[in-house]
N, C-alpha and C. Protein backbone atom coordinates (compact mmCIF):
# COMPACT_ATOMS: atom_id res chain seq x y z
N MET A 1 11.55 -1.91 16.47
CA MET A 1 11.15 -2.21 15.11
C MET A 1 11.94 -3.42 14.64
N GLY A 2 11.26 -4.33 13.94
CA GLY A 2 11.88 -5.57 13.48
C GLY A 2 12.77 -5.38 12.27
N ALA A 3 13.36 -6.47 11.83
CA ALA A 3 14.23 -6.44 10.68
C ALA A 3 13.44 -6.12 9.41
N ALA A 4 14.10 -5.49 8.45
CA ALA A 4 13.46 -5.16 7.18
C ALA A 4 13.14 -6.43 6.40
N ARG A 5 12.01 -6.42 5.69
CA ARG A 5 11.61 -7.55 4.85
C ARG A 5 11.52 -7.07 3.41
N TYR A 6 11.97 -7.87 2.49
CA TYR A 6 11.88 -7.57 1.08
C TYR A 6 10.84 -8.49 0.44
N LEU A 7 9.90 -7.88 -0.27
CA LEU A 7 8.89 -8.64 -0.99
C LEU A 7 9.27 -8.62 -2.46
N THR A 8 9.53 -9.78 -3.03
CA THR A 8 9.95 -9.84 -4.43
C THR A 8 8.86 -10.47 -5.28
N GLY A 9 8.72 -9.97 -6.49
CA GLY A 9 7.72 -10.51 -7.39
C GLY A 9 7.55 -9.67 -8.65
N HIS A 10 7.84 -8.40 -8.58
CA HIS A 10 7.72 -7.53 -9.75
C HIS A 10 8.99 -7.60 -10.59
N VAL A 11 8.83 -7.60 -11.90
CA VAL A 11 9.97 -7.53 -12.80
C VAL A 11 10.08 -6.16 -13.46
N HIS A 12 9.03 -5.35 -13.31
CA HIS A 12 9.01 -3.98 -13.83
C HIS A 12 8.95 -3.02 -12.64
N PRO A 13 9.30 -1.75 -12.85
CA PRO A 13 9.24 -0.77 -11.76
C PRO A 13 7.83 -0.65 -11.18
N ILE A 14 7.75 -0.58 -9.86
CA ILE A 14 6.47 -0.43 -9.16
C ILE A 14 5.99 1.01 -9.31
N THR A 15 4.71 1.15 -9.64
CA THR A 15 4.13 2.48 -9.84
C THR A 15 3.23 2.93 -8.70
N THR A 16 2.64 1.98 -7.98
CA THR A 16 1.72 2.33 -6.90
C THR A 16 1.59 1.19 -5.90
N ILE A 17 1.36 1.55 -4.65
CA ILE A 17 1.16 0.58 -3.57
C ILE A 17 -0.02 1.04 -2.74
N GLN A 18 -0.89 0.10 -2.38
CA GLN A 18 -2.04 0.39 -1.52
C GLN A 18 -2.02 -0.57 -0.33
N ILE A 19 -2.11 -0.04 0.87
CA ILE A 19 -2.20 -0.87 2.08
C ILE A 19 -3.66 -0.86 2.53
N ASN A 20 -4.21 -2.06 2.75
CA ASN A 20 -5.59 -2.17 3.21
C ASN A 20 -5.58 -2.95 4.52
N ARG A 21 -5.77 -2.26 5.62
CA ARG A 21 -5.74 -2.89 6.94
C ARG A 21 -6.99 -3.75 7.20
N ALA A 22 -8.11 -3.39 6.60
CA ALA A 22 -9.35 -4.15 6.81
C ALA A 22 -9.20 -5.60 6.35
N PHE A 23 -8.46 -5.82 5.27
CA PHE A 23 -8.24 -7.17 4.75
C PHE A 23 -6.81 -7.65 4.96
N SER A 24 -6.02 -6.86 5.66
CA SER A 24 -4.62 -7.19 5.96
C SER A 24 -3.83 -7.55 4.71
N VAL A 25 -3.94 -6.69 3.69
CA VAL A 25 -3.19 -6.91 2.46
C VAL A 25 -2.46 -5.64 2.04
N ILE A 26 -1.40 -5.86 1.29
CA ILE A 26 -0.72 -4.81 0.55
C ILE A 26 -0.90 -5.19 -0.91
N VAL A 27 -1.28 -4.24 -1.74
CA VAL A 27 -1.42 -4.50 -3.17
C VAL A 27 -0.48 -3.54 -3.90
N SER A 28 0.36 -4.10 -4.77
CA SER A 28 1.31 -3.29 -5.53
C SER A 28 1.11 -3.53 -7.01
N ALA A 29 1.42 -2.52 -7.83
CA ALA A 29 1.27 -2.63 -9.28
C ALA A 29 2.51 -2.05 -9.95
N ASP A 30 2.75 -2.51 -11.18
CA ASP A 30 3.96 -2.06 -11.87
C ASP A 30 3.66 -1.56 -13.29
N THR A 31 4.71 -1.10 -13.95
CA THR A 31 4.57 -0.54 -15.30
C THR A 31 4.20 -1.59 -16.34
N GLY A 32 4.40 -2.86 -16.04
CA GLY A 32 4.03 -3.93 -16.96
C GLY A 32 2.58 -4.37 -16.83
N GLY A 33 1.85 -3.84 -15.86
CA GLY A 33 0.45 -4.19 -15.67
C GLY A 33 0.21 -5.31 -14.67
N ARG A 34 1.26 -5.77 -14.00
CA ARG A 34 1.11 -6.83 -13.00
C ARG A 34 0.72 -6.21 -11.66
N VAL A 35 -0.30 -6.81 -11.03
CA VAL A 35 -0.76 -6.40 -9.71
C VAL A 35 -0.55 -7.58 -8.78
N ILE A 36 0.17 -7.35 -7.68
CA ILE A 36 0.48 -8.42 -6.73
C ILE A 36 -0.18 -8.12 -5.39
N ILE A 37 -0.78 -9.16 -4.80
CA ILE A 37 -1.42 -9.06 -3.49
C ILE A 37 -0.51 -9.74 -2.48
N TRP A 38 -0.21 -9.04 -1.39
CA TRP A 38 0.68 -9.52 -0.35
C TRP A 38 -0.07 -9.60 0.98
N ASP A 39 0.23 -10.59 1.79
CA ASP A 39 -0.34 -10.70 3.14
C ASP A 39 0.40 -9.74 4.05
N LEU A 40 -0.32 -8.80 4.62
CA LEU A 40 0.28 -7.77 5.47
C LEU A 40 0.80 -8.33 6.79
N ASN A 41 0.13 -9.34 7.33
CA ASN A 41 0.55 -9.91 8.62
C ASN A 41 1.78 -10.82 8.48
N LEU A 42 1.77 -11.65 7.45
CA LEU A 42 2.87 -12.60 7.25
C LEU A 42 3.97 -12.06 6.34
N MET A 43 3.68 -10.92 5.66
CA MET A 43 4.61 -10.33 4.70
C MET A 43 5.04 -11.34 3.65
N THR A 44 4.03 -12.00 3.04
CA THR A 44 4.27 -13.01 2.02
C THR A 44 3.35 -12.77 0.82
N TYR A 45 3.73 -13.36 -0.30
CA TYR A 45 2.97 -13.33 -1.54
C TYR A 45 1.66 -14.09 -1.38
N VAL A 46 0.55 -13.53 -1.91
CA VAL A 46 -0.74 -14.21 -1.90
C VAL A 46 -1.15 -14.63 -3.31
N ASN A 47 -1.18 -13.66 -4.23
CA ASN A 47 -1.64 -13.93 -5.59
C ASN A 47 -1.27 -12.74 -6.48
N TYR A 48 -1.50 -12.89 -7.78
CA TYR A 48 -1.29 -11.78 -8.70
C TYR A 48 -2.28 -11.88 -9.85
N PHE A 49 -2.45 -10.78 -10.58
CA PHE A 49 -3.19 -10.77 -11.83
C PHE A 49 -2.56 -9.73 -12.75
N GLU A 50 -2.83 -9.89 -14.03
CA GLU A 50 -2.34 -8.95 -15.04
C GLU A 50 -3.51 -8.09 -15.50
N THR A 51 -3.28 -6.78 -15.62
CA THR A 51 -4.33 -5.89 -16.11
C THR A 51 -4.34 -5.90 -17.63
N ARG A 52 -5.43 -5.43 -18.20
CA ARG A 52 -5.53 -5.37 -19.66
C ARG A 52 -4.67 -4.26 -20.24
N GLN A 53 -4.46 -3.23 -19.46
CA GLN A 53 -3.69 -2.07 -19.90
C GLN A 53 -2.53 -1.84 -18.94
N SER A 54 -1.44 -1.31 -19.45
CA SER A 54 -0.34 -0.95 -18.57
C SER A 54 0.21 0.39 -19.05
N PRO A 55 0.89 1.13 -18.23
CA PRO A 55 1.21 0.84 -16.83
C PRO A 55 0.04 1.19 -15.91
N VAL A 56 0.00 0.55 -14.75
CA VAL A 56 -1.00 0.87 -13.73
C VAL A 56 -0.55 2.13 -13.02
N SER A 57 -1.36 3.17 -13.08
CA SER A 57 -0.97 4.45 -12.46
C SER A 57 -1.60 4.64 -11.08
N CYS A 58 -2.66 3.88 -10.78
CA CYS A 58 -3.34 4.04 -9.50
C CYS A 58 -4.14 2.78 -9.22
N LEU A 59 -4.29 2.44 -7.94
CA LEU A 59 -5.16 1.32 -7.57
C LEU A 59 -5.76 1.59 -6.21
N ARG A 60 -6.87 0.95 -5.94
CA ARG A 60 -7.53 1.05 -4.64
C ARG A 60 -8.11 -0.31 -4.27
N VAL A 61 -8.18 -0.59 -2.96
CA VAL A 61 -8.77 -1.81 -2.43
C VAL A 61 -9.95 -1.40 -1.57
N SER A 62 -11.11 -1.98 -1.84
CA SER A 62 -12.32 -1.67 -1.09
C SER A 62 -12.20 -2.16 0.35
N ASP A 63 -12.53 -1.31 1.31
CA ASP A 63 -12.53 -1.71 2.72
C ASP A 63 -13.71 -2.61 3.06
N THR A 64 -14.76 -2.60 2.24
CA THR A 64 -15.94 -3.39 2.57
C THR A 64 -15.92 -4.79 1.96
N LEU A 65 -15.50 -4.91 0.70
CA LEU A 65 -15.51 -6.21 0.03
C LEU A 65 -14.13 -6.73 -0.36
N GLY A 66 -13.12 -5.86 -0.31
CA GLY A 66 -11.79 -6.26 -0.71
C GLY A 66 -11.57 -6.23 -2.21
N ASP A 67 -12.53 -5.69 -2.96
CA ASP A 67 -12.38 -5.59 -4.41
C ASP A 67 -11.21 -4.66 -4.74
N ILE A 68 -10.54 -4.96 -5.85
CA ILE A 68 -9.40 -4.15 -6.29
C ILE A 68 -9.78 -3.50 -7.61
N VAL A 69 -9.54 -2.20 -7.72
CA VAL A 69 -9.76 -1.48 -8.98
C VAL A 69 -8.43 -0.85 -9.37
N THR A 70 -8.11 -0.90 -10.67
CA THR A 70 -6.88 -0.30 -11.16
C THR A 70 -7.19 0.74 -12.22
N VAL A 71 -6.32 1.73 -12.33
CA VAL A 71 -6.42 2.75 -13.37
C VAL A 71 -5.11 2.71 -14.14
N SER A 72 -5.22 2.59 -15.46
CA SER A 72 -4.05 2.61 -16.33
C SER A 72 -4.20 3.78 -17.28
N SER A 73 -3.09 4.43 -17.58
CA SER A 73 -3.17 5.54 -18.52
C SER A 73 -1.87 5.63 -19.31
N SER A 74 -2.02 5.71 -20.61
CA SER A 74 -0.85 5.92 -21.46
C SER A 74 -0.67 7.41 -21.72
N SER A 75 -1.73 8.17 -21.47
CA SER A 75 -1.67 9.63 -21.57
C SER A 75 -2.79 10.19 -20.71
N LYS A 76 -2.79 11.49 -20.49
CA LYS A 76 -3.83 12.09 -19.66
C LYS A 76 -5.21 11.99 -20.30
N ASP A 77 -5.25 11.83 -21.63
CA ASP A 77 -6.53 11.75 -22.33
C ASP A 77 -7.05 10.33 -22.47
N ASN A 78 -6.23 9.33 -22.13
CA ASN A 78 -6.61 7.94 -22.34
C ASN A 78 -6.45 7.17 -21.04
N ARG A 79 -7.50 7.12 -20.23
CA ARG A 79 -7.47 6.41 -18.95
C ARG A 79 -8.41 5.23 -19.01
N ASN A 80 -7.97 4.10 -18.48
CA ASN A 80 -8.78 2.89 -18.46
C ASN A 80 -8.94 2.43 -17.03
N VAL A 81 -10.19 2.14 -16.64
CA VAL A 81 -10.48 1.63 -15.31
C VAL A 81 -10.78 0.15 -15.45
N SER A 82 -10.11 -0.70 -14.67
CA SER A 82 -10.32 -2.13 -14.76
C SER A 82 -10.76 -2.70 -13.43
N PHE A 83 -11.76 -3.57 -13.48
CA PHE A 83 -12.20 -4.32 -12.33
C PHE A 83 -11.92 -5.78 -12.64
N PRO A 84 -10.93 -6.41 -12.01
CA PRO A 84 -10.63 -7.82 -12.30
C PRO A 84 -11.87 -8.69 -12.11
N GLY A 85 -12.06 -9.63 -13.03
CA GLY A 85 -13.21 -10.53 -12.94
C GLY A 85 -14.39 -10.10 -13.79
N LEU A 86 -14.41 -8.85 -14.24
CA LEU A 86 -15.47 -8.40 -15.13
C LEU A 86 -14.98 -8.47 -16.56
N PRO A 87 -15.88 -8.76 -17.53
CA PRO A 87 -15.44 -8.97 -18.90
C PRO A 87 -14.92 -7.72 -19.61
N ASN A 88 -15.39 -6.54 -19.25
CA ASN A 88 -14.98 -5.31 -19.93
C ASN A 88 -14.64 -4.23 -18.92
N SER A 89 -13.83 -3.26 -19.38
CA SER A 89 -13.55 -2.10 -18.54
C SER A 89 -14.84 -1.31 -18.32
N VAL A 90 -14.94 -0.69 -17.18
CA VAL A 90 -16.13 0.08 -16.84
C VAL A 90 -15.77 1.55 -16.99
N GLU A 91 -16.06 2.11 -18.15
CA GLU A 91 -15.66 3.48 -18.45
C GLU A 91 -16.44 4.52 -17.64
N SER A 92 -17.71 4.23 -17.29
CA SER A 92 -18.54 5.22 -16.62
C SER A 92 -18.05 5.56 -15.22
N VAL A 93 -17.24 4.70 -14.62
CA VAL A 93 -16.74 4.94 -13.27
C VAL A 93 -15.51 5.82 -13.29
N SER A 94 -14.84 5.93 -14.42
CA SER A 94 -13.53 6.59 -14.47
C SER A 94 -13.57 8.03 -13.99
N GLU A 95 -14.58 8.79 -14.35
CA GLU A 95 -14.62 10.20 -13.94
C GLU A 95 -14.73 10.35 -12.43
N ILE A 96 -15.51 9.50 -11.79
CA ILE A 96 -15.67 9.54 -10.33
C ILE A 96 -14.41 9.02 -9.66
N TYR A 97 -13.92 7.88 -10.11
CA TYR A 97 -12.81 7.22 -9.45
C TYR A 97 -11.51 8.00 -9.55
N LEU A 98 -11.26 8.63 -10.67
CA LEU A 98 -9.98 9.31 -10.89
C LEU A 98 -9.74 10.46 -9.94
N HIS A 99 -10.78 10.95 -9.28
CA HIS A 99 -10.59 12.00 -8.28
C HIS A 99 -9.80 11.49 -7.08
N PHE A 100 -9.76 10.18 -6.87
CA PHE A 100 -9.03 9.61 -5.74
C PHE A 100 -7.59 9.28 -6.09
N CYS A 101 -7.24 9.32 -7.36
CA CYS A 101 -5.89 8.93 -7.80
C CYS A 101 -4.98 10.13 -7.94
């Protein structure tokens, strides 16, 4: 096993990490709503985006298209599902998606 690598970029505590081998990425999210995409092969920073709501409690990366979906919740009764690139949160997906989180 090789030497340990540290990936730096978050300024808030990390809440969730998703590894996607199909796209060779690691995606991490923090309590401030920042989501960072890392190259799994090179172990380097790729890009980041900020969610509309924080903290991010769960995220998933699609194996087919590489799309990233995040779930933020300030309480169990108030969950927001965000798809980066779309103008509004998609509330109708939340009931289905939250079963995976």
